[in-house]
Amino acid sequence: MSTNTYAKPEEEKKGVLGNLSGYKFEFAFDDKTAIKYVPYFFFLTFLGVIYIANTYYADRVVREINLLEKDVEKLRVNYGSRKYEYINMSKRDEIVNQVKGLGLIENDKPVIKIEIKE
């Protein structure tokens, strides 16, 4: 029998999974198999619960951070206004005006320093 050397042999058609489409996967799910996978199921369930709890915790922390940022902004503005008031109150003219009601007068003479020699 002679073969045609001029014609190319037909290539196998590959499916989405490649050459795996021709294989049969035999898998029986019985009691022994189910019991074998119970620890994995519980482990994955535990990981899912941890993931959900972590998500709730992160959301709560983000909400707290946003509230604290608003409080910090209010306190920063309050600090600025108090600092401005303090600077104005400590000026010489403001102190003189506040003390006039007590009957005190401003000293025009320079301060005398008293030194004691031992």
PDB file of N, CA and C in Angstrom:
ATOM      1  N   MET A   1       0.851  -1.163   0.000  1.00  0.00           N
ATOM      2  CA  MET A   1       0.000   0.000   0.000  1.00  0.00           C
ATOM      3  C   MET A   1       0.897   1.226   0.000  1.00  0.00           C
ATOM      4  N   SER A   2       0.596   2.139  -0.836  1.00  0.00           N
ATOM      5  CA  SER A   2       1.415   3.339  -0.948  1.00  0.00           C
ATOM      6  C   SER A   2       0.711   4.505  -0.273  1.00  0.00           C
ATOM      7  N   THR A   3       1.524   5.407   0.233  1.00  0.00           N
ATOM      8  CA  THR A   3       0.962   6.582   0.905  1.00  0.00           C
ATOM      9  C   THR A   3       1.192   7.794   0.042  1.00  0.00           C
ATOM     10  N   ASN A   4       0.315   8.693   0.153  1.00  0.00           N
ATOM     11  CA  ASN A   4       0.397   9.930  -0.602  1.00  0.00           C
ATOM     12  C   ASN A   4       1.366  10.852   0.133  1.00  0.00           C
ATOM     13  N   THR A   5       2.474  11.138  -0.468  1.00  0.00           N
ATOM     14  CA  THR A   5       3.471  11.985   0.177  1.00  0.00           C
ATOM     15  C   THR A   5       3.207  13.468  -0.050  1.00  0.00           C
ATOM     16  N   TYR A   6       2.317  13.778  -0.983  1.00  0.00           N
ATOM     17  CA  TYR A   6       2.062  15.179  -1.297  1.00  0.00           C
ATOM     18  C   TYR A   6       0.960  15.779  -0.424  1.00  0.00           C
ATOM     19  N   ALA A   7       0.095  14.988   0.114  1.00  0.00           N
ATOM     20  CA  ALA A   7      -1.013  15.499   0.930  1.00  0.00           C
ATOM     21  C   ALA A   7      -0.588  15.524   2.393  1.00  0.00           C
ATOM     22  N   LYS A   8      -0.980  16.567   3.075  1.00  0.00           N
ATOM     23  CA  LYS A   8      -0.658  16.683   4.497  1.00  0.00           C
ATOM     24  C   LYS A   8      -1.676  15.864   5.300  1.00  0.00           C
ATOM     25  N   PRO A   9      -1.200  15.199   6.365  1.00  0.00           N
ATOM     26  CA  PRO A   9      -2.151  14.444   7.184  1.00  0.00           C
ATOM     27  C   PRO A   9      -3.078  15.398   7.938  1.00  0.00           C
ATOM     28  N   GLU A  10      -4.293  14.958   8.182  1.00  0.00           N
ATOM     29  CA  GLU A  10      -5.267  15.795   8.885  1.00  0.00           C
ATOM     30  C   GLU A  10      -4.871  15.921  10.351  1.00  0.00           C
ATOM     31  N   GLU A  11      -4.915  17.141  10.844  1.00  0.00           N
ATOM     32  CA  GLU A  11      -4.584  17.380  12.251  1.00  0.00           C
ATOM     33  C   GLU A  11      -5.835  17.154  13.084  1.00  0.00           C
ATOM     34  N   GLU A  12      -5.599  16.724  14.325  1.00  0.00           N
ATOM     35  CA  GLU A  12      -6.719  16.515  15.224  1.00  0.00           C
ATOM     36  C   GLU A  12      -7.315  17.868  15.605  1.00  0.00           C
ATOM     37  N   LYS A  13      -8.616  17.912  15.603  1.00  0.00           N
ATOM     38  CA  LYS A  13      -9.281  19.154  16.015  1.00  0.00           C
ATOM     39  C   LYS A  13      -9.231  19.255  17.534  1.00  0.00           C
ATOM     40  N   LYS A  14      -8.786  20.419  18.005  1.00  0.00           N
ATOM     41  CA  LYS A  14      -8.683  20.623  19.436  1.00  0.00           C
ATOM     42  C   LYS A  14      -9.878  21.448  19.910  1.00  0.00           C
ATOM     43  N   GLY A  15     -10.433  21.038  21.049  1.00  0.00           N
ATOM     44  CA  GLY A  15     -11.550  21.766  21.632  1.00  0.00           C
ATOM     45  C   GLY A  15     -11.033  22.901  22.497  1.00  0.00           C
ATOM     46  N   VAL A  16     -11.913  23.409  23.316  1.00  0.00           N
ATOM     47  CA  VAL A  16     -11.559  24.509  24.204  1.00  0.00           C
ATOM     48  C   VAL A  16     -10.506  24.061  25.212  1.00  0.00           C
ATOM     49  N   LEU A  17     -10.612  22.825  25.661  1.00  0.00           N
ATOM     50  CA  LEU A  17      -9.668  22.306  26.643  1.00  0.00           C
ATOM     51  C   LEU A  17      -8.474  21.625  25.992  1.00  0.00           C
ATOM     52  N   GLY A  18      -8.323  21.731  24.725  1.00  0.00           N
ATOM     53  CA  GLY A  18      -7.207  21.084  24.034  1.00  0.00           C
ATOM     54  C   GLY A  18      -7.506  19.616  23.821  1.00  0.00           C
ATOM     55  N   ASN A  19      -6.570  18.756  24.132  1.00  0.00           N
ATOM     56  CA  ASN A  19      -6.746  17.328  23.939  1.00  0.00           C
ATOM     57  C   ASN A  19      -7.537  16.672  25.058  1.00  0.00           C
ATOM     58  N   LEU A  20      -7.920  17.400  26.063  1.00  0.00           N
ATOM     59  CA  LEU A  20      -8.643  16.823  27.189  1.00  0.00           C
ATOM     60  C   LEU A  20     -10.098  16.525  26.876  1.00  0.00           C
ATOM     61  N   SER A  21     -10.597  17.019  25.776  1.00  0.00           N
ATOM     62  CA  SER A  21     -12.018  16.835  25.477  1.00  0.00           C
ATOM     63  C   SER A  21     -12.354  15.384  25.180  1.00  0.00           C
ATOM     64  N   GLY A  22     -11.390  14.573  24.839  1.00  0.00           N
ATOM     65  CA  GLY A  22     -11.667  13.176  24.552  1.00  0.00           C
ATOM     66  C   GLY A  22     -11.656  12.301  25.784  1.00  0.00           C
ATOM     67  N   TYR A  23     -11.168  12.780  26.885  1.00  0.00           N
ATOM     68  CA  TYR A  23     -11.082  11.972  28.094  1.00  0.00           C
ATOM     69  C   TYR A  23     -12.401  11.969  28.845  1.00  0.00           C
ATOM     70  N   LYS A  24     -12.644  10.873  29.537  1.00  0.00           N
ATOM     71  CA  LYS A  24     -13.822  10.785  30.400  1.00  0.00           C
ATOM     72  C   LYS A  24     -13.337  10.875  31.835  1.00  0.00           C
ATOM     73  N   PHE A  25     -13.957  11.755  32.590  1.00  0.00           N
ATOM     74  CA  PHE A  25     -13.625  11.889  33.997  1.00  0.00           C
ATOM     75  C   PHE A  25     -14.628  11.081  34.791  1.00  0.00           C
ATOM     76  N   GLU A  26     -14.151  10.079  35.459  1.00  0.00           N
ATOM     77  CA  GLU A  26     -15.034   9.262  36.281  1.00  0.00           C
ATOM     78  C   GLU A  26     -14.848   9.681  37.730  1.00  0.00           C
ATOM     79  N   PHE A  27     -15.922  10.133  38.319  1.00  0.00           N
ATOM     80  CA  PHE A  27     -15.869  10.581  39.701  1.00  0.00           C
ATOM     81  C   PHE A  27     -17.148  10.139  40.371  1.00  0.00           C
ATOM     82  N   ALA A  28     -16.998   9.305  41.370  1.00  0.00           N
ATOM     83  CA  ALA A  28     -18.152   8.834  42.123  1.00  0.00           C
ATOM     84  C   ALA A  28     -18.162   9.526  43.464  1.00  0.00           C
ATOM     85  N   PHE A  29     -19.245  10.144  43.794  1.00  0.00           N
ATOM     86  CA  PHE A  29     -19.371  10.863  45.057  1.00  0.00           C
ATOM     87  C   PHE A  29     -20.165   9.983  46.015  1.00  0.00           C
ATOM     88  N   ASP A  30     -19.455   9.242  46.823  1.00  0.00           N
ATOM     89  CA  ASP A  30     -20.113   8.365  47.784  1.00  0.00           C
ATOM     90  C   ASP A  30     -19.852   8.862  49.200  1.00  0.00           C
ATOM     91  N   ASP A  31     -20.242   8.093  50.196  1.00  0.00           N
ATOM     92  CA  ASP A  31     -20.108   8.516  51.597  1.00  0.00           C
ATOM     93  C   ASP A  31     -18.655   8.700  52.013  1.00  0.00           C
ATOM     94  N   LYS A  32     -17.788   7.809  51.586  1.00  0.00           N
ATOM     95  CA  LYS A  32     -16.383   7.915  51.964  1.00  0.00           C
ATOM     96  C   LYS A  32     -15.749   9.179  51.389  1.00  0.00           C
ATOM     97  N   THR A  33     -16.087   9.492  50.166  1.00  0.00           N
ATOM     98  CA  THR A  33     -15.555  10.707  49.544  1.00  0.00           C
ATOM     99  C   THR A  33     -16.098  11.950  50.243  1.00  0.00           C
ATOM    100  N   ALA A  34     -17.374  11.912  50.603  1.00  0.00           N
ATOM    101  CA  ALA A  34     -17.980  13.058  51.287  1.00  0.00           C
ATOM    102  C   ALA A  34     -17.310  13.280  52.637  1.00  0.00           C
ATOM    103  N   ILE A  35     -17.080  12.235  53.381  1.00  0.00           N
ATOM    104  CA  ILE A  35     -16.441  12.360  54.694  1.00  0.00           C
ATOM    105  C   ILE A  35     -15.005  12.831  54.535  1.00  0.00           C
ATOM    106  N   LYS A  36     -14.377  12.440  53.470  1.00  0.00           N
ATOM    107  CA  LYS A  36     -12.994  12.837  53.222  1.00  0.00           C
ATOM    108  C   LYS A  36     -12.870  14.368  53.047  1.00  0.00           C
ATOM    109  N   TYR A  37     -13.887  14.988  52.451  1.00  0.00           N
ATOM    110  CA  TYR A  37     -13.828  16.424  52.155  1.00  0.00           C
ATOM    111  C   TYR A  37     -14.481  17.304  53.212  1.00  0.00           C
ATOM    112  N   VAL A  38     -14.999  16.743  54.290  1.00  0.00           N
ATOM    113  CA  VAL A  38     -15.644  17.539  55.344  1.00  0.00           C
ATOM    114  C   VAL A  38     -14.663  18.517  55.997  1.00  0.00           C
ATOM    115  N   PRO A  39     -13.434  18.122  56.363  1.00  0.00           N
ATOM    116  CA  PRO A  39     -12.529  19.113  56.965  1.00  0.00           C
ATOM    117  C   PRO A  39     -12.213  20.277  56.031  1.00  0.00           C
ATOM    118  N   TYR A  40     -12.078  20.018  54.749  1.00  0.00           N
ATOM    119  CA  TYR A  40     -11.823  21.097  53.789  1.00  0.00           C
ATOM    120  C   TYR A  40     -13.016  22.042  53.704  1.00  0.00           C
ATOM    121  N   PHE A  41     -14.211  21.454  53.738  1.00  0.00           N
ATOM    122  CA  PHE A  41     -15.429  22.267  53.704  1.00  0.00           C
ATOM    123  C   PHE A  41     -15.488  23.190  54.923  1.00  0.00           C
ATOM    124  N   PHE A  42     -15.210  22.631  56.121  1.00  0.00           N
ATOM    125  CA  PHE A  42     -15.215  23.457  57.327  1.00  0.00           C
ATOM    126  C   PHE A  42     -14.123  24.519  57.287  1.00  0.00           C
ATOM    127  N   PHE A  43     -12.972  24.173  56.768  1.00  0.00           N
ATOM    128  CA  PHE A  43     -11.887  25.143  56.663  1.00  0.00           C
ATOM    129  C   PHE A  43     -12.262  26.288  55.734  1.00  0.00           C
ATOM    130  N   LEU A  44     -12.832  25.954  54.587  1.00  0.00           N
ATOM    131  CA  LEU A  44     -13.252  27.009  53.653  1.00  0.00           C
ATOM    132  C   LEU A  44     -14.381  27.852  54.236  1.00  0.00           C
ATOM    133  N   THR A  45     -15.288  27.216  54.975  1.00  0.00           N
ATOM    134  CA  THR A  45     -16.359  27.963  55.638  1.00  0.00           C
ATOM    135  C   THR A  45     -15.771  28.917  56.673  1.00  0.00           C
ATOM    136  N   PHE A  46     -14.793  28.437  57.438  1.00  0.00           N
ATOM    137  CA  PHE A  46     -14.125  29.281  58.425  1.00  0.00           C
ATOM    138  C   PHE A  46     -13.437  30.469  57.757  1.00  0.00           C
ATOM    139  N   LEU A  47     -12.749  30.220  56.646  1.00  0.00           N
ATOM    140  CA  LEU A  47     -12.102  31.323  55.920  1.00  0.00           C
ATOM    141  C   LEU A  47     -13.128  32.329  55.412  1.00  0.00           C
ATOM    142  N   GLY A  48     -14.285  31.832  54.960  1.00  0.00           N
ATOM    143  CA  GLY A  48     -15.342  32.731  54.498  1.00  0.00           C
ATOM    144  C   GLY A  48     -15.865  33.609  55.618  1.00  0.00           C
ATOM    145  N   VAL A  49     -16.061  33.014  56.797  1.00  0.00           N
ATOM    146  CA  VAL A  49     -16.541  33.789  57.951  1.00  0.00           C
ATOM    147  C   VAL A  49     -15.502  34.837  58.345  1.00  0.00           C
ATOM    148  N   ILE A  50     -14.236  34.452  58.346  1.00  0.00           N
ATOM    149  CA  ILE A  50     -13.159  35.411  58.669  1.00  0.00           C
ATOM    150  C   ILE A  50     -13.156  36.552  57.656  1.00  0.00           C
ATOM    151  N   TYR A  51     -13.323  36.240  56.387  1.00  0.00           N
ATOM    152  CA  TYR A  51     -13.326  37.258  55.332  1.00  0.00           C
ATOM    153  C   TYR A  51     -14.485  38.233  55.524  1.00  0.00           C
ATOM    154  N   ILE A  52     -15.655  37.714  55.812  1.00  0.00           N
ATOM    155  CA  ILE A  52     -16.827  38.580  56.007  1.00  0.00           C
ATOM    156  C   ILE A  52     -16.645  39.452  57.248  1.00  0.00           C
ATOM    157  N   ALA A  53     -16.142  38.854  58.340  1.00  0.00           N
ATOM    158  CA  ALA A  53     -15.923  39.627  59.562  1.00  0.00           C
ATOM    159  C   ALA A  53     -14.882  40.714  59.336  1.00  0.00           C
ATOM    160  N   ASN A  54     -13.845  40.416  58.596  1.00  0.00           N
ATOM    161  CA  ASN A  54     -12.813  41.406  58.311  1.00  0.00           C
ATOM    162  C   ASN A  54     -13.379  42.560  57.481  1.00  0.00           C
ATOM    163  N   THR A  55     -14.263  42.250  56.553  1.00  0.00           N
ATOM    164  CA  THR A  55     -14.884  43.294  55.734  1.00  0.00           C
ATOM    165  C   THR A  55     -15.737  44.226  56.596  1.00  0.00           C
ATOM    166  N   TYR A  56     -16.541  43.641  57.493  1.00  0.00           N
ATOM    167  CA  TYR A  56     -17.355  44.472  58.387  1.00  0.00           C
ATOM    168  C   TYR A  56     -16.470  45.329  59.291  1.00  0.00           C
ATOM    169  N   TYR A  57     -15.402  44.746  59.808  1.00  0.00           N
ATOM    170  CA  TYR A  57     -14.488  45.489  60.674  1.00  0.00           C
ATOM    171  C   TYR A  57     -13.843  46.653  59.913  1.00  0.00           C
ATOM    172  N   ALA A  58     -13.410  46.401  58.684  1.00  0.00           N
ATOM    173  CA  ALA A  58     -12.777  47.457  57.886  1.00  0.00           C
ATOM    174  C   ALA A  58     -13.765  48.588  57.605  1.00  0.00           C
ATOM    175  N   ASP A  59     -15.022  48.243  57.301  1.00  0.00           N
ATOM    176  CA  ASP A  59     -16.027  49.282  57.057  1.00  0.00           C
ATOM    177  C   ASP A  59     -16.256  50.129  58.299  1.00  0.00           C
ATOM    178  N   ARG A  60     -16.320  49.473  59.467  1.00  0.00           N
ATOM    179  CA  ARG A  60     -16.533  50.210  60.711  1.00  0.00           C
ATOM    180  C   ARG A  60     -15.357  51.141  61.003  1.00  0.00           C
ATOM    181  N   VAL A  61     -14.149  50.672  60.770  1.00  0.00           N
ATOM    182  CA  VAL A  61     -12.963  51.499  61.019  1.00  0.00           C
ATOM    183  C   VAL A  61     -12.941  52.694  60.072  1.00  0.00           C
ATOM    184  N   VAL A  62     -13.328  52.492  58.825  1.00  0.00           N
ATOM    185  CA  VAL A  62     -13.357  53.605  57.857  1.00  0.00           C
ATOM    186  C   VAL A  62     -14.378  54.655  58.294  1.00  0.00           C
ATOM    187  N   ARG A  63     -15.550  54.198  58.784  1.00  0.00           N
ATOM    188  CA  ARG A  63     -16.551  55.156  59.266  1.00  0.00           C
ATOM    189  C   ARG A  63     -16.020  55.941  60.471  1.00  0.00           C
ATOM    190  N   GLU A  64     -15.351  55.252  61.394  1.00  0.00           N
ATOM    191  CA  GLU A  64     -14.778  55.949  62.556  1.00  0.00           C
ATOM    192  C   GLU A  64     -13.719  56.956  62.131  1.00  0.00           C
ATOM    193  N   ILE A  65     -12.897  56.595  61.177  1.00  0.00           N
ATOM    194  CA  ILE A  65     -11.851  57.509  60.690  1.00  0.00           C
ATOM    195  C   ILE A  65     -12.485  58.759  60.090  1.00  0.00           C
ATOM    196  N   ASN A  66     -13.546  58.592  59.316  1.00  0.00           N
ATOM    197  CA  ASN A  66     -14.215  59.755  58.712  1.00  0.00           C
ATOM    198  C   ASN A  66     -14.790  60.679  59.789  1.00  0.00           C
ATOM    199  N   LEU A  67     -15.402  60.092  60.829  1.00  0.00           N
ATOM    200  CA  LEU A  67     -15.939  60.921  61.913  1.00  0.00           C
ATOM    201  C   LEU A  67     -14.814  61.649  62.651  1.00  0.00           C
ATOM    202  N   LEU A  68     -13.728  60.945  62.905  1.00  0.00           N
ATOM    203  CA  LEU A  68     -12.615  61.577  63.613  1.00  0.00           C
ATOM    204  C   LEU A  68     -11.948  62.664  62.780  1.00  0.00           C
ATOM    205  N   GLU A  69     -11.902  62.488  61.466  1.00  0.00           N
ATOM    206  CA  GLU A  69     -11.344  63.541  60.609  1.00  0.00           C
ATOM    207  C   GLU A  69     -12.189  64.800  60.695  1.00  0.00           C
ATOM    208  N   LYS A  70     -13.518  64.648  60.743  1.00  0.00           N
ATOM    209  CA  LYS A  70     -14.388  65.818  60.888  1.00  0.00           C
ATOM    210  C   LYS A  70     -14.149  66.499  62.227  1.00  0.00           C
ATOM    211  N   ASP A  71     -14.014  65.709  63.297  1.00  0.00           N
ATOM    212  CA  ASP A  71     -13.758  66.286  64.619  1.00  0.00           C
ATOM    213  C   ASP A  71     -12.414  67.010  64.655  1.00  0.00           C
ATOM    214  N   VAL A  72     -11.410  66.422  64.056  1.00  0.00           N
ATOM    215  CA  VAL A  72     -10.086  67.049  64.030  1.00  0.00           C
ATOM    216  C   VAL A  72     -10.137  68.373  63.284  1.00  0.00           C
ATOM    217  N   GLU A  73     -10.884  68.415  62.190  1.00  0.00           N
ATOM    218  CA  GLU A  73     -11.000  69.666  61.421  1.00  0.00           C
ATOM    219  C   GLU A  73     -11.675  70.750  62.260  1.00  0.00           C
ATOM    220  N   LYS A  74     -12.740  70.374  62.996  1.00  0.00           N
ATOM    221  CA  LYS A  74     -13.404  71.354  63.862  1.00  0.00           C
ATOM    222  C   LYS A  74     -12.458  71.847  64.954  1.00  0.00           C
ATOM    223  N   LEU A  75     -11.708  70.925  65.560  1.00  0.00           N
ATOM    224  CA  LEU A  75     -10.782  71.324  66.620  1.00  0.00           C
ATOM    225  C   LEU A  75      -9.640  72.172  66.078  1.00  0.00           C
ATOM    226  N   ARG A  76      -9.208  71.891  64.853  1.00  0.00           N
ATOM    227  CA  ARG A  76      -8.140  72.704  64.249  1.00  0.00           C
ATOM    228  C   ARG A  76      -8.612  74.141  64.056  1.00  0.00           C
ATOM    229  N   VAL A  77      -9.840  74.303  63.563  1.00  0.00           N
ATOM    230  CA  VAL A  77     -10.389  75.652  63.380  1.00  0.00           C
ATOM    231  C   VAL A  77     -10.543  76.347  64.729  1.00  0.00           C
ATOM    232  N   ASN A  78     -11.011  75.615  65.735  1.00  0.00           N
ATOM    233  CA  ASN A  78     -11.168  76.181  67.077  1.00  0.00           C
ATOM    234  C   ASN A  78      -9.814  76.605  67.640  1.00  0.00           C
ATOM    235  N   TYR A  79      -8.801  75.776  67.436  1.00  0.00           N
ATOM    236  CA  TYR A  79      -7.449  76.107  67.904  1.00  0.00           C
ATOM    237  C   TYR A  79      -6.944  77.391  67.243  1.00  0.00           C
ATOM    238  N   GLY A  80      -7.166  77.526  65.942  1.00  0.00           N
ATOM    239  CA  GLY A  80      -6.719  78.730  65.233  1.00  0.00           C
ATOM    240  C   GLY A  80      -7.375  79.988  65.769  1.00  0.00           C
ATOM    241  N   SER A  81      -8.687  79.921  66.020  1.00  0.00           N
ATOM    242  CA  SER A  81      -9.377  81.113  66.518  1.00  0.00           C
ATOM    243  C   SER A  81      -8.938  81.446  67.949  1.00  0.00           C
ATOM    244  N   ARG A  82      -8.739  80.417  68.785  1.00  0.00           N
ATOM    245  CA  ARG A  82      -8.278  80.668  70.162  1.00  0.00           C
ATOM    246  C   ARG A  82      -6.861  81.250  70.167  1.00  0.00           C
ATOM    247  N   LYS A  83      -6.020  80.764  69.292  1.00  0.00           N
ATOM    248  CA  LYS A  83      -4.650  81.269  69.213  1.00  0.00           C
ATOM    249  C   LYS A  83      -4.665  82.741  68.785  1.00  0.00           C
ATOM    250  N   TYR A  84      -5.519  83.071  67.818  1.00  0.00           N
ATOM    251  CA  TYR A  84      -5.627  84.460  67.364  1.00  0.00           C
ATOM    252  C   TYR A  84      -6.098  85.357  68.508  1.00  0.00           C
ATOM    253  N   GLU A  85      -7.102  84.895  69.277  1.00  0.00           N
ATOM    254  CA  GLU A  85      -7.590  85.674  70.416  1.00  0.00           C
ATOM    255  C   GLU A  85      -6.491  85.865  71.456  1.00  0.00           C
ATOM    256  N   TYR A  86      -5.743  84.821  71.740  1.00  0.00           N
ATOM    257  CA  TYR A  86      -4.671  84.903  72.730  1.00  0.00           C
ATOM    258  C   TYR A  86      -3.592  85.892  72.297  1.00  0.00           C
ATOM    259  N   ILE A  87      -3.225  85.842  71.017  1.00  0.00           N
ATOM    260  CA  ILE A  87      -2.195  86.763  70.520  1.00  0.00           C
ATOM    261  C   ILE A  87      -2.679  88.202  70.639  1.00  0.00           C
ATOM    262  N   ASN A  88      -3.939  88.452  70.314  1.00  0.00           N
ATOM    263  CA  ASN A  88      -4.480  89.808  70.415  1.00  0.00           C
ATOM    264  C   ASN A  88      -4.585  90.258  71.874  1.00  0.00           C
ATOM    265  N   MET A  89      -4.973  89.363  72.767  1.00  0.00           N
ATOM    266  CA  MET A  89      -5.119  89.738  74.179  1.00  0.00           C
ATOM    267  C   MET A  89      -3.773  90.008  74.830  1.00  0.00           C
ATOM    268  N   SER A  90      -2.705  89.423  74.326  1.00  0.00           N
ATOM    269  CA  SER A  90      -1.408  89.616  74.967  1.00  0.00           C
ATOM    270  C   SER A  90      -0.655  90.826  74.425  1.00  0.00           C
ATOM    271  N   LYS A  91      -1.256  91.567  73.513  1.00  0.00           N
ATOM    272  CA  LYS A  91      -0.613  92.792  73.030  1.00  0.00           C
ATOM    273  C   LYS A  91      -0.661  93.853  74.128  1.00  0.00           C
ATOM    274  N   ARG A  92       0.290  94.734  74.098  1.00  0.00           N
ATOM    275  CA  ARG A  92       0.453  95.742  75.152  1.00  0.00           C
ATOM    276  C   ARG A  92      -0.768  96.653  75.268  1.00  0.00           C
ATOM    277  N   ASP A  93      -1.303  97.102  74.145  1.00  0.00           N
ATOM    278  CA  ASP A  93      -2.447  98.018  74.176  1.00  0.00           C
ATOM    279  C   ASP A  93      -3.676  97.341  74.783  1.00  0.00           C
ATOM    280  N   GLU A  94      -3.908  96.077  74.474  1.00  0.00           N
ATOM    281  CA  GLU A  94      -5.056  95.362  75.032  1.00  0.00           C
ATOM    282  C   GLU A  94      -4.907  95.185  76.540  1.00  0.00           C
ATOM    283  N   ILE A  95      -3.685  94.891  76.979  1.00  0.00           N
ATOM    284  CA  ILE A  95      -3.451  94.718  78.418  1.00  0.00           C
ATOM    285  C   ILE A  95      -3.690  96.037  79.149  1.00  0.00           C
ATOM    286  N   VAL A  96      -3.236  97.148  78.572  1.00  0.00           N
ATOM    287  CA  VAL A  96      -3.437  98.463  79.194  1.00  0.00           C
ATOM    288  C   VAL A  96      -4.930  98.777  79.298  1.00  0.00           C
ATOM    289  N   ASN A  97      -5.678  98.504  78.256  1.00  0.00           N
ATOM    290  CA  ASN A  97      -7.126  98.773  78.281  1.00  0.00           C
ATOM    291  C   ASN A  97      -7.831  97.910  79.333  1.00  0.00           C
ATOM    292  N   GLN A  98      -7.413  96.686  79.527  1.00  0.00           N
ATOM    293  CA  GLN A  98      -8.055  95.807  80.504  1.00  0.00           C
ATOM    294  C   GLN A  98      -7.705  96.208  81.946  1.00  0.00           C
ATOM    295  N   VAL A  99      -6.506  96.727  82.137  1.00  0.00           N
ATOM    296  CA  VAL A  99      -6.046  97.062  83.486  1.00  0.00           C
ATOM    297  C   VAL A  99      -6.558  98.431  83.928  1.00  0.00           C
ATOM    298  N   LYS A 100      -6.932  99.313  83.017  1.00  0.00           N
ATOM    299  CA  LYS A 100      -7.409 100.664  83.378  1.00  0.00           C
ATOM    300  C   LYS A 100      -8.618 100.595  84.293  1.00  0.00           C
ATOM    301  N   GLY A 101      -9.465  99.615  84.137  1.00  0.00           N
ATOM    302  CA  GLY A 101     -10.653  99.491  84.985  1.00  0.00           C
ATOM    303  C   GLY A 101     -10.297  99.177  86.427  1.00  0.00           C
ATOM    304  N   LEU A 102      -9.115  98.660  86.692  1.00  0.00           N
ATOM    305  CA  LEU A 102      -8.683  98.342  88.053  1.00  0.00           C
ATOM    306  C   LEU A 102      -7.983  99.517  88.738  1.00  0.00           C
ATOM    307  N   GLY A 103      -7.771 100.595  88.016  1.00  0.00           N
ATOM    308  CA  GLY A 103      -7.138 101.776  88.594  1.00  0.00           C
ATOM    309  C   GLY A 103      -5.625 101.752  88.465  1.00  0.00           C
ATOM    310  N   LEU A 104      -5.081 100.849  87.710  1.00  0.00           N
ATOM    311  CA  LEU A 104      -3.637 100.808  87.518  1.00  0.00           C
ATOM    312  C   LEU A 104      -3.258 101.697  86.341  1.00  0.00           C
ATOM    313  N   ILE A 105      -2.048 102.273  86.439  1.00  0.00           N
ATOM    314  CA  ILE A 105      -1.578 103.125  85.349  1.00  0.00           C
ATOM    315  C   ILE A 105      -0.293 102.542  84.787  1.00  0.00           C
ATOM    316  N   GLU A 106       0.026 102.954  83.603  1.00  0.00           N
ATOM    317  CA  GLU A 106       1.213 102.429  82.923  1.00  0.00           C
ATOM    318  C   GLU A 106       2.443 103.162  83.437  1.00  0.00           C
ATOM    319  N   ASN A 107       3.515 102.440  83.651  1.00  0.00           N
ATOM    320  CA  ASN A 107       4.758 103.014  84.140  1.00  0.00           C
ATOM    321  C   ASN A 107       5.519 103.610  82.956  1.00  0.00           C
ATOM    322  N   ASP A 108       5.866 104.921  83.071  1.00  0.00           N
ATOM    323  CA  ASP A 108       6.598 105.581  81.996  1.00  0.00           C
ATOM    324  C   ASP A 108       8.103 105.487  82.187  1.00  0.00           C
ATOM    325  N   LYS A 109       8.550 105.219  83.419  1.00  0.00           N
ATOM    326  CA  LYS A 109       9.975 105.161  83.726  1.00  0.00           C
ATOM    327  C   LYS A 109      10.504 103.754  83.443  1.00  0.00           C
ATOM    328  N   PRO A 110      11.767 103.670  83.115  1.00  0.00           N
ATOM    329  CA  PRO A 110      12.328 102.337  82.885  1.00  0.00           C
ATOM    330  C   PRO A 110      12.409 101.547  84.188  1.00  0.00           C
ATOM    331  N   VAL A 111      12.461 100.259  84.071  1.00  0.00           N
ATOM    332  CA  VAL A 111      12.495  99.385  85.239  1.00  0.00           C
ATOM    333  C   VAL A 111      13.869  99.473  85.892  1.00  0.00           C
ATOM    334  N   ILE A 112      13.864  99.520  87.231  1.00  0.00           N
ATOM    335  CA  ILE A 112      15.118  99.586  87.992  1.00  0.00           C
ATOM    336  C   ILE A 112      15.437  98.181  88.472  1.00  0.00           C
ATOM    337  N   LYS A 113      16.661  97.797  88.225  1.00  0.00           N
ATOM    338  CA  LYS A 113      17.099  96.479  88.655  1.00  0.00           C
ATOM    339  C   LYS A 113      17.842  96.625  89.966  1.00  0.00           C
ATOM    340  N   ILE A 114      17.420  95.886  90.983  1.00  0.00           N
ATOM    341  CA  ILE A 114      18.060  95.944  92.293  1.00  0.00           C
ATOM    342  C   ILE A 114      19.052  94.796  92.394  1.00  0.00           C
ATOM    343  N   GLU A 115      20.279  95.141  92.695  1.00  0.00           N
ATOM    344  CA  GLU A 115      21.321  94.118  92.832  1.00  0.00           C
ATOM    345  C   GLU A 115      21.772  94.118  94.286  1.00  0.00           C
ATOM    346  N   ILE A 116      21.958  92.935  94.835  1.00  0.00           N
ATOM    347  CA  ILE A 116      22.459  92.791  96.206  1.00  0.00           C
ATOM    348  C   ILE A 116      23.823  92.158  96.127  1.00  0.00           C
ATOM    349  N   LYS A 117      24.815  92.855  96.738  1.00  0.00           N
ATOM    350  CA  LYS A 117      26.172  92.320  96.766  1.00  0.00           C
ATOM    351  C   LYS A 117      26.372  91.598  98.088  1.00  0.00           C
ATOM    352  N   GLU A 118      26.956  90.464  98.036  1.00  0.00           N
ATOM    353  CA  GLU A 118      27.181  89.706  99.262  1.00  0.00           C
ATOM    354  C   GLU A 118      28.578  89.863  99.763  1.00  0.00           C
TER     355      GLU A 118
END
